[in-house]
Amino acid sequence: MSENGSAVSLTGIDGGNLASQERALRKALDLAYAQINRRERTVAEVRSQLERKGVCEDHVDAVVQTLIEQRLLDDERFAQLFVADKRELERWGSERIRRGLTARGIDRGLAERALAARGETVDDGHEDELTRALELLRRRFPDPPHERRDRDRALGVLLRKGYEQEIAIAALDAHARGT
Protein backbone atom coordinates (compact mmCIF):
# COMPACT_ATOMS: atom_id res chain seq x y z
CA MET A 1 0.00 0.00 0.00
CA SER A 2 1.19 3.51 -0.78
CA GLU A 3 0.92 6.51 1.55
CA ASN A 4 -2.39 7.54 0.05
CA GLY A 5 -4.00 4.12 0.18
CA SER A 6 -3.56 2.92 -3.41
CA ALA A 7 -1.99 -0.46 -3.94
CA VAL A 8 1.32 -0.40 -5.75
CA SER A 9 1.59 -3.58 -7.78
CA LEU A 10 4.74 -5.44 -8.67
CA THR A 11 2.97 -7.52 -11.30
CA GLY A 12 5.19 -7.83 -14.33
CA ILE A 13 8.32 -6.53 -12.63
CA ASP A 14 11.18 -8.94 -13.26
CA GLY A 15 14.47 -9.54 -11.51
CA GLY A 16 15.79 -9.46 -7.96
CA ASN A 17 13.95 -10.67 -4.92
CA LEU A 18 10.53 -9.35 -4.04
CA ALA A 19 11.69 -7.41 -0.96
CA SER A 20 14.35 -5.60 -2.96
CA GLN A 21 11.84 -4.76 -5.67
CA GLU A 22 9.36 -3.52 -3.05
CA ARG A 23 12.01 -1.20 -1.57
CA ALA A 24 13.00 0.13 -5.00
CA LEU A 25 9.38 0.78 -5.91
CA ARG A 26 8.71 2.45 -2.55
CA LYS A 27 11.76 4.67 -3.04
CA ALA A 28 10.57 5.63 -6.54
CA LEU A 29 7.12 6.46 -5.17
CA ASP A 30 8.66 8.56 -2.38
CA LEU A 31 10.74 10.47 -4.96
CA ALA A 32 7.60 11.18 -6.98
CA TYR A 33 5.64 12.30 -3.90
CA ALA A 34 8.43 14.70 -3.00
CA GLN A 35 8.41 16.11 -6.52
CA ILE A 36 4.65 16.66 -6.77
CA ASN A 37 4.52 17.97 -3.21
CA ARG A 38 6.43 21.09 -4.29
CA ARG A 39 4.14 22.03 -7.17
CA GLU A 40 1.80 20.58 -9.78
CA ARG A 41 3.67 18.41 -12.31
CA THR A 42 2.97 16.77 -15.65
CA VAL A 43 3.26 13.05 -16.32
CA ALA A 44 6.27 13.77 -18.54
CA GLU A 45 8.01 15.78 -15.79
CA VAL A 46 7.55 13.02 -13.21
CA ARG A 47 8.70 10.36 -15.68
CA SER A 48 11.78 12.37 -16.61
CA GLN A 49 12.73 13.06 -12.99
CA LEU A 50 12.40 9.41 -12.01
CA GLU A 51 14.43 8.29 -15.03
CA ARG A 52 17.17 10.82 -14.14
CA LYS A 53 17.27 9.32 -10.65
CA GLY A 54 17.92 5.89 -12.18
CA VAL A 55 14.50 4.34 -11.56
CA CYS A 56 13.80 1.43 -13.91
CA GLU A 57 11.09 1.83 -16.54
CA ASP A 58 8.74 -0.71 -14.94
CA HIS A 59 8.85 1.16 -11.63
CA VAL A 60 8.36 4.50 -13.39
CA ASP A 61 5.25 3.13 -15.11
CA ALA A 62 3.89 1.73 -11.83
CA VAL A 63 4.52 4.99 -9.95
CA VAL A 64 2.94 7.14 -12.65
CA GLN A 65 -0.10 4.87 -12.77
CA THR A 66 -0.43 5.03 -8.98
CA LEU A 67 -0.24 8.83 -8.96
CA ILE A 68 -2.84 9.07 -11.71
CA GLU A 69 -5.16 6.73 -9.81
CA GLN A 70 -4.68 8.84 -6.67
CA ARG A 71 -5.53 11.90 -8.78
CA LEU A 72 -2.24 13.51 -7.80
CA LEU A 73 -1.04 13.59 -11.39
CA ASP A 74 -3.35 15.02 -14.05
CA ASP A 75 -2.08 16.68 -17.24
CA GLU A 76 -5.44 18.29 -17.97
CA ARG A 77 -5.57 19.93 -14.53
CA PHE A 78 -1.94 21.00 -14.92
CA ALA A 79 -2.67 22.63 -18.29
CA GLN A 80 -5.68 24.54 -16.95
CA LEU A 81 -3.76 25.81 -13.91
CA PHE A 82 -0.74 26.71 -16.02
CA VAL A 83 -2.86 28.76 -18.44
CA ALA A 84 -4.58 30.62 -15.59
CA ASP A 85 -1.34 31.31 -13.69
CA LYS A 86 0.73 32.44 -16.64
CA ARG A 87 -2.05 34.58 -18.05
CA GLU A 88 -2.93 36.31 -14.77
CA LEU A 89 0.36 36.41 -12.90
CA GLU A 90 2.96 36.63 -15.65
CA ARG A 91 0.84 38.31 -18.34
CA TRP A 92 2.00 35.79 -20.93
CA GLY A 93 0.50 35.70 -24.39
CA SER A 94 -1.16 32.59 -25.81
CA GLU A 95 1.82 31.58 -27.92
CA ARG A 96 4.22 31.61 -24.97
CA ILE A 97 1.73 29.67 -22.86
CA ARG A 98 1.38 27.11 -25.66
CA ARG A 99 5.18 26.75 -25.89
CA GLY A 100 5.46 26.44 -22.11
CA LEU A 101 2.91 23.65 -22.00
CA THR A 102 4.50 21.67 -24.81
CA ALA A 103 7.93 22.10 -23.21
CA ARG A 104 6.52 20.45 -20.09
CA GLY A 105 5.25 17.46 -22.04
CA ILE A 106 1.64 18.53 -22.62
CA ASP A 107 0.50 17.59 -26.12
CA ARG A 108 -0.58 20.40 -28.42
CA GLY A 109 -4.22 19.26 -28.47
CA LEU A 110 -4.52 19.43 -24.69
CA ALA A 111 -2.74 22.81 -24.68
CA GLU A 112 -5.26 24.14 -27.22
CA ARG A 113 -8.18 22.82 -25.15
CA ALA A 114 -6.81 24.49 -22.01
CA LEU A 115 -6.44 27.80 -23.85
CA ALA A 116 -9.91 27.40 -25.37
CA ALA A 117 -11.43 26.69 -21.95
CA ARG A 118 -10.38 30.21 -20.98
CA GLY A 119 -11.49 31.67 -24.30
CA GLU A 120 -7.92 32.22 -25.43
CA THR A 121 -7.51 30.47 -28.74
CA VAL A 122 -6.07 32.39 -31.65
CA ASP A 123 -9.39 32.28 -33.54
CA ASP A 124 -11.69 33.24 -30.66
CA GLY A 125 -9.45 35.36 -28.48
CA HIS A 126 -7.88 37.87 -30.87
CA GLU A 127 -9.64 40.83 -29.26
CA ASP A 128 -9.00 39.54 -25.73
CA GLU A 129 -5.35 39.01 -26.56
CA LEU A 130 -5.11 42.53 -28.01
CA THR A 131 -6.74 43.97 -24.90
CA ARG A 132 -4.30 42.12 -22.62
CA ALA A 133 -1.32 43.25 -24.71
CA LEU A 134 -2.56 46.84 -24.54
CA GLU A 135 -2.99 46.59 -20.76
CA LEU A 136 0.57 45.31 -20.44
CA LEU A 137 1.87 48.17 -22.57
CA ARG A 138 -0.01 50.75 -20.52
CA ARG A 139 1.39 49.30 -17.32
CA ARG A 140 4.99 49.04 -18.54
CA PHE A 141 4.95 52.18 -20.71
CA PRO A 142 2.46 54.70 -19.27
CA ASP A 143 3.52 57.23 -21.90
CA PRO A 144 3.24 55.76 -25.40
CA PRO A 145 6.68 55.25 -26.92
CA HIS A 146 7.27 57.55 -29.89
CA GLU A 147 10.97 57.10 -30.63
CA ARG A 148 11.92 54.07 -32.73
CA ARG A 149 14.20 52.70 -30.01
CA ASP A 150 11.42 52.92 -27.40
CA ARG A 151 8.87 51.37 -29.79
CA ASP A 152 11.29 48.51 -30.50
CA ARG A 153 11.76 48.00 -26.77
CA ALA A 154 7.99 47.91 -26.18
CA LEU A 155 7.53 45.52 -29.09
CA GLY A 156 10.25 43.29 -27.64
CA VAL A 157 8.46 43.18 -24.29
CA LEU A 158 5.25 41.98 -25.97
CA LEU A 159 7.01 39.43 -28.16
CA ARG A 160 8.95 37.98 -25.20
CA LYS A 161 5.70 37.67 -23.29
CA GLY A 162 4.39 35.52 -26.14
CA TYR A 163 2.09 37.84 -28.03
CA GLU A 164 2.01 37.27 -31.77
CA GLN A 165 3.72 39.97 -33.81
CA GLU A 166 0.47 41.08 -35.44
CA ILE A 167 -1.19 41.58 -32.04
CA ALA A 168 1.89 43.27 -30.59
CA ILE A 169 2.03 45.81 -33.43
CA ALA A 170 -1.71 46.46 -33.21
CA ALA A 171 -1.37 47.04 -29.45
CA LEU A 172 1.51 49.47 -30.01
CA ASP A 173 -0.54 51.39 -32.57
CA ALA A 174 -3.58 51.53 -30.26
CA HIS A 175 -1.39 52.68 -27.35
CA ALA A 176 0.13 55.41 -29.53
CA ARG A 177 -3.38 56.59 -30.51
CA GLY A 178 -4.42 56.57 -26.87
CA THR A 179 -7.25 54.07 -27.41
C-alpha atoms as a PDB file:
ATOM      1  CA  MET A   1       0.000   0.000   0.000  1.00  0.00           C
ATOM      2  CA  SER A   2       1.187   3.508  -0.782  1.00  0.00           C
ATOM      3  CA  GLU A   3       0.923   6.511   1.555  1.00  0.00           C
ATOM      4  CA  ASN A   4      -2.395   7.544   0.046  1.00  0.00           C
ATOM      5  CA  GLY A   5      -3.999   4.123   0.181  1.00  0.00           C
ATOM      6  CA  SER A   6      -3.564   2.916  -3.408  1.00  0.00           C
ATOM      7  CA  ALA A   7      -1.992  -0.457  -3.936  1.00  0.00           C
ATOM      8  CA  VAL A   8       1.316  -0.404  -5.751  1.00  0.00           C
ATOM      9  CA  SER A   9       1.593  -3.585  -7.784  1.00  0.00           C
ATOM     10  CA  LEU A  10       4.737  -5.439  -8.666  1.00  0.00           C
ATOM     11  CA  THR A  11       2.970  -7.523 -11.298  1.00  0.00           C
ATOM     12  CA  GLY A  12       5.185  -7.834 -14.333  1.00  0.00           C
ATOM     13  CA  ILE A  13       8.320  -6.534 -12.633  1.00  0.00           C
ATOM     14  CA  ASP A  14      11.178  -8.936 -13.257  1.00  0.00           C
ATOM     15  CA  GLY A  15      14.469  -9.539 -11.514  1.00  0.00           C
ATOM     16  CA  GLY A  16      15.788  -9.458  -7.959  1.00  0.00           C
ATOM     17  CA  ASN A  17      13.954 -10.675  -4.919  1.00  0.00           C
ATOM     18  CA  LEU A  18      10.533  -9.349  -4.036  1.00  0.00           C
ATOM     19  CA  ALA A  19      11.686  -7.414  -0.956  1.00  0.00           C
ATOM     20  CA  SER A  20      14.353  -5.600  -2.960  1.00  0.00           C
ATOM     21  CA  GLN A  21      11.836  -4.761  -5.673  1.00  0.00           C
ATOM     22  CA  GLU A  22       9.361  -3.517  -3.055  1.00  0.00           C
ATOM     23  CA  ARG A  23      12.011  -1.197  -1.565  1.00  0.00           C
ATOM     24  CA  ALA A  24      12.999   0.132  -5.001  1.00  0.00           C
ATOM     25  CA  LEU A  25       9.376   0.776  -5.913  1.00  0.00           C
ATOM     26  CA  ARG A  26       8.707   2.446  -2.548  1.00  0.00           C
ATOM     27  CA  LYS A  27      11.762   4.671  -3.043  1.00  0.00           C
ATOM     28  CA  ALA A  28      10.569   5.634  -6.543  1.00  0.00           C
ATOM     29  CA  LEU A  29       7.123   6.462  -5.174  1.00  0.00           C
ATOM     30  CA  ASP A  30       8.665   8.558  -2.383  1.00  0.00           C
ATOM     31  CA  LEU A  31      10.737  10.469  -4.960  1.00  0.00           C
ATOM     32  CA  ALA A  32       7.602  11.178  -6.984  1.00  0.00           C
ATOM     33  CA  TYR A  33       5.636  12.297  -3.899  1.00  0.00           C
ATOM     34  CA  ALA A  34       8.433  14.703  -2.996  1.00  0.00           C
ATOM     35  CA  GLN A  35       8.409  16.111  -6.521  1.00  0.00           C
ATOM     36  CA  ILE A  36       4.651  16.656  -6.768  1.00  0.00           C
ATOM     37  CA  ASN A  37       4.518  17.966  -3.213  1.00  0.00           C
ATOM     38  CA  ARG A  38       6.432  21.092  -4.287  1.00  0.00           C
ATOM     39  CA  ARG A  39       4.140  22.032  -7.171  1.00  0.00           C
ATOM     40  CA  GLU A  40       1.795  20.584  -9.779  1.00  0.00           C
ATOM     41  CA  ARG A  41       3.665  18.410 -12.312  1.00  0.00           C
ATOM     42  CA  THR A  42       2.966  16.767 -15.650  1.00  0.00           C
ATOM     43  CA  VAL A  43       3.259  13.046 -16.317  1.00  0.00           C
ATOM     44  CA  ALA A  44       6.275  13.771 -18.536  1.00  0.00           C
ATOM     45  CA  GLU A  45       8.013  15.779 -15.785  1.00  0.00           C
ATOM     46  CA  VAL A  46       7.550  13.016 -13.212  1.00  0.00           C
ATOM     47  CA  ARG A  47       8.703  10.356 -15.678  1.00  0.00           C
ATOM     48  CA  SER A  48      11.779  12.369 -16.607  1.00  0.00           C
ATOM     49  CA  GLN A  49      12.730  13.056 -12.992  1.00  0.00           C
ATOM     50  CA  LEU A  50      12.402   9.410 -12.010  1.00  0.00           C
ATOM     51  CA  GLU A  51      14.430   8.290 -15.031  1.00  0.00           C
ATOM     52  CA  ARG A  52      17.172  10.821 -14.144  1.00  0.00           C
ATOM     53  CA  LYS A  53      17.274   9.321 -10.651  1.00  0.00           C
ATOM     54  CA  GLY A  54      17.919   5.888 -12.179  1.00  0.00           C
ATOM     55  CA  VAL A  55      14.500   4.340 -11.557  1.00  0.00           C
ATOM     56  CA  CYS A  56      13.800   1.430 -13.913  1.00  0.00           C
ATOM     57  CA  GLU A  57      11.091   1.834 -16.541  1.00  0.00           C
ATOM     58  CA  ASP A  58       8.736  -0.711 -14.944  1.00  0.00           C
ATOM     59  CA  HIS A  59       8.850   1.156 -11.630  1.00  0.00           C
ATOM     60  CA  VAL A  60       8.365   4.496 -13.391  1.00  0.00           C
ATOM     61  CA  ASP A  61       5.247   3.128 -15.110  1.00  0.00           C
ATOM     62  CA  ALA A  62       3.895   1.733 -11.825  1.00  0.00           C
ATOM     63  CA  VAL A  63       4.521   4.986  -9.946  1.00  0.00           C
ATOM     64  CA  VAL A  64       2.942   7.144 -12.650  1.00  0.00           C
ATOM     65  CA  GLN A  65      -0.104   4.866 -12.775  1.00  0.00           C
ATOM     66  CA  THR A  66      -0.432   5.027  -8.978  1.00  0.00           C
ATOM     67  CA  LEU A  67      -0.238   8.826  -8.958  1.00  0.00           C
ATOM     68  CA  ILE A  68      -2.841   9.073 -11.710  1.00  0.00           C
ATOM     69  CA  GLU A  69      -5.160   6.726  -9.807  1.00  0.00           C
ATOM     70  CA  GLN A  70      -4.680   8.841  -6.670  1.00  0.00           C
ATOM     71  CA  ARG A  71      -5.534  11.904  -8.776  1.00  0.00           C
ATOM     72  CA  LEU A  72      -2.235  13.510  -7.798  1.00  0.00           C
ATOM     73  CA  LEU A  73      -1.042  13.591 -11.391  1.00  0.00           C
ATOM     74  CA  ASP A  74      -3.347  15.019 -14.054  1.00  0.00           C
ATOM     75  CA  ASP A  75      -2.077  16.675 -17.242  1.00  0.00           C
ATOM     76  CA  GLU A  76      -5.438  18.288 -17.975  1.00  0.00           C
ATOM     77  CA  ARG A  77      -5.569  19.928 -14.534  1.00  0.00           C
ATOM     78  CA  PHE A  78      -1.942  21.005 -14.920  1.00  0.00           C
ATOM     79  CA  ALA A  79      -2.672  22.633 -18.292  1.00  0.00           C
ATOM     80  CA  GLN A  80      -5.681  24.542 -16.952  1.00  0.00           C
ATOM     81  CA  LEU A  81      -3.764  25.813 -13.910  1.00  0.00           C
ATOM     82  CA  PHE A  82      -0.741  26.713 -16.023  1.00  0.00           C
ATOM     83  CA  VAL A  83      -2.860  28.764 -18.440  1.00  0.00           C
ATOM     84  CA  ALA A  84      -4.578  30.617 -15.590  1.00  0.00           C
ATOM     85  CA  ASP A  85      -1.341  31.306 -13.692  1.00  0.00           C
ATOM     86  CA  LYS A  86       0.730  32.435 -16.640  1.00  0.00           C
ATOM     87  CA  ARG A  87      -2.054  34.579 -18.052  1.00  0.00           C
ATOM     88  CA  GLU A  88      -2.933  36.313 -14.774  1.00  0.00           C
ATOM     89  CA  LEU A  89       0.358  36.406 -12.896  1.00  0.00           C
ATOM     90  CA  GLU A  90       2.960  36.625 -15.647  1.00  0.00           C
ATOM     91  CA  ARG A  91       0.836  38.311 -18.340  1.00  0.00           C
ATOM     92  CA  TRP A  92       2.005  35.793 -20.932  1.00  0.00           C
ATOM     93  CA  GLY A  93       0.496  35.696 -24.391  1.00  0.00           C
ATOM     94  CA  SER A  94      -1.159  32.589 -25.806  1.00  0.00           C
ATOM     95  CA  GLU A  95       1.824  31.576 -27.924  1.00  0.00           C
ATOM     96  CA  ARG A  96       4.225  31.606 -24.973  1.00  0.00           C
ATOM     97  CA  ILE A  97       1.731  29.667 -22.857  1.00  0.00           C
ATOM     98  CA  ARG A  98       1.377  27.111 -25.664  1.00  0.00           C
ATOM     99  CA  ARG A  99       5.182  26.751 -25.895  1.00  0.00           C
ATOM    100  CA  GLY A 100       5.462  26.442 -22.111  1.00  0.00           C
ATOM    101  CA  LEU A 101       2.911  23.652 -21.999  1.00  0.00           C
ATOM    102  CA  THR A 102       4.503  21.667 -24.812  1.00  0.00           C
ATOM    103  CA  ALA A 103       7.934  22.102 -23.210  1.00  0.00           C
ATOM    104  CA  ARG A 104       6.522  20.452 -20.089  1.00  0.00           C
ATOM    105  CA  GLY A 105       5.247  17.458 -22.040  1.00  0.00           C
ATOM    106  CA  ILE A 106       1.643  18.531 -22.623  1.00  0.00           C
ATOM    107  CA  ASP A 107       0.502  17.585 -26.117  1.00  0.00           C
ATOM    108  CA  ARG A 108      -0.582  20.398 -28.416  1.00  0.00           C
ATOM    109  CA  GLY A 109      -4.218  19.264 -28.470  1.00  0.00           C
ATOM    110  CA  LEU A 110      -4.515  19.429 -24.686  1.00  0.00           C
ATOM    111  CA  ALA A 111      -2.742  22.810 -24.679  1.00  0.00           C
ATOM    112  CA  GLU A 112      -5.255  24.137 -27.216  1.00  0.00           C
ATOM    113  CA  ARG A 113      -8.181  22.816 -25.153  1.00  0.00           C
ATOM    114  CA  ALA A 114      -6.814  24.486 -22.006  1.00  0.00           C
ATOM    115  CA  LEU A 115      -6.441  27.796 -23.848  1.00  0.00           C
ATOM    116  CA  ALA A 116      -9.915  27.401 -25.373  1.00  0.00           C
ATOM    117  CA  ALA A 117     -11.432  26.692 -21.952  1.00  0.00           C
ATOM    118  CA  ARG A 118     -10.378  30.212 -20.977  1.00  0.00           C
ATOM    119  CA  GLY A 119     -11.487  31.669 -24.297  1.00  0.00           C
ATOM    120  CA  GLU A 120      -7.917  32.222 -25.428  1.00  0.00           C
ATOM    121  CA  THR A 121      -7.511  30.470 -28.737  1.00  0.00           C
ATOM    122  CA  VAL A 122      -6.075  32.393 -31.655  1.00  0.00           C
ATOM    123  CA  ASP A 123      -9.388  32.280 -33.536  1.00  0.00           C
ATOM    124  CA  ASP A 124     -11.688  33.245 -30.661  1.00  0.00           C
ATOM    125  CA  GLY A 125      -9.449  35.359 -28.482  1.00  0.00           C
ATOM    126  CA  HIS A 126      -7.876  37.870 -30.868  1.00  0.00           C
ATOM    127  CA  GLU A 127      -9.643  40.835 -29.257  1.00  0.00           C
ATOM    128  CA  ASP A 128      -9.001  39.544 -25.727  1.00  0.00           C
ATOM    129  CA  GLU A 129      -5.347  39.013 -26.561  1.00  0.00           C
ATOM    130  CA  LEU A 130      -5.108  42.526 -28.011  1.00  0.00           C
ATOM    131  CA  THR A 131      -6.741  43.967 -24.896  1.00  0.00           C
ATOM    132  CA  ARG A 132      -4.303  42.117 -22.620  1.00  0.00           C
ATOM    133  CA  ALA A 133      -1.325  43.253 -24.714  1.00  0.00           C
ATOM    134  CA  LEU A 134      -2.563  46.843 -24.541  1.00  0.00           C
ATOM    135  CA  GLU A 135      -2.994  46.592 -20.755  1.00  0.00           C
ATOM    136  CA  LEU A 136       0.565  45.312 -20.438  1.00  0.00           C
ATOM    137  CA  LEU A 137       1.873  48.169 -22.571  1.00  0.00           C
ATOM    138  CA  ARG A 138      -0.014  50.753 -20.519  1.00  0.00           C
ATOM    139  CA  ARG A 139       1.391  49.297 -17.319  1.00  0.00           C
ATOM    140  CA  ARG A 140       4.990  49.040 -18.544  1.00  0.00           C
ATOM    141  CA  PHE A 141       4.954  52.180 -20.709  1.00  0.00           C
ATOM    142  CA  PRO A 142       2.456  54.698 -19.267  1.00  0.00           C
ATOM    143  CA  ASP A 143       3.517  57.227 -21.905  1.00  0.00           C
ATOM    144  CA  PRO A 144       3.237  55.755 -25.405  1.00  0.00           C
ATOM    145  CA  PRO A 145       6.680  55.255 -26.920  1.00  0.00           C
ATOM    146  CA  HIS A 146       7.272  57.547 -29.895  1.00  0.00           C
ATOM    147  CA  GLU A 147      10.969  57.099 -30.634  1.00  0.00           C
ATOM    148  CA  ARG A 148      11.917  54.075 -32.727  1.00  0.00           C
ATOM    149  CA  ARG A 149      14.196  52.701 -30.007  1.00  0.00           C
ATOM    150  CA  ASP A 150      11.420  52.919 -27.402  1.00  0.00           C
ATOM    151  CA  ARG A 151       8.870  51.365 -29.785  1.00  0.00           C
ATOM    152  CA  ASP A 152      11.292  48.508 -30.499  1.00  0.00           C
ATOM    153  CA  ARG A 153      11.764  47.995 -26.766  1.00  0.00           C
ATOM    154  CA  ALA A 154       7.991  47.914 -26.178  1.00  0.00           C
ATOM    155  CA  LEU A 155       7.532  45.524 -29.091  1.00  0.00           C
ATOM    156  CA  GLY A 156      10.251  43.291 -27.644  1.00  0.00           C
ATOM    157  CA  VAL A 157       8.455  43.179 -24.292  1.00  0.00           C
ATOM    158  CA  LEU A 158       5.252  41.985 -25.971  1.00  0.00           C
ATOM    159  CA  LEU A 159       7.009  39.430 -28.157  1.00  0.00           C
ATOM    160  CA  ARG A 160       8.948  37.978 -25.202  1.00  0.00           C
ATOM    161  CA  LYS A 161       5.696  37.671 -23.290  1.00  0.00           C
ATOM    162  CA  GLY A 162       4.395  35.520 -26.136  1.00  0.00           C
ATOM    163  CA  TYR A 163       2.091  37.839 -28.030  1.00  0.00           C
ATOM    164  CA  GLU A 164       2.012  37.269 -31.766  1.00  0.00           C
ATOM    165  CA  GLN A 165       3.719  39.970 -33.813  1.00  0.00           C
ATOM    166  CA  GLU A 166       0.466  41.084 -35.442  1.00  0.00           C
ATOM    167  CA  ILE A 167      -1.187  41.579 -32.043  1.00  0.00           C
ATOM    168  CA  ALA A 168       1.888  43.274 -30.590  1.00  0.00           C
ATOM    169  CA  ILE A 169       2.029  45.809 -33.435  1.00  0.00           C
ATOM    170  CA  ALA A 170      -1.708  46.461 -33.212  1.00  0.00           C
ATOM    171  CA  ALA A 171      -1.371  47.043 -29.454  1.00  0.00           C
ATOM    172  CA  LEU A 172       1.513  49.466 -30.007  1.00  0.00           C
ATOM    173  CA  ASP A 173      -0.543  51.389 -32.566  1.00  0.00           C
ATOM    174  CA  ALA A 174      -3.575  51.529 -30.259  1.00  0.00           C
ATOM    175  CA  HIS A 175      -1.395  52.676 -27.353  1.00  0.00           C
ATOM    176  CA  ALA A 176       0.132  55.414 -29.531  1.00  0.00           C
ATOM    177  CA  ARG A 177      -3.383  56.593 -30.512  1.00  0.00           C
ATOM    178  CA  GLY A 178      -4.425  56.566 -26.873  1.00  0.00           C
ATOM    179  CA  THR A 179      -7.247  54.072 -27.407  1.00  0.00           C
END
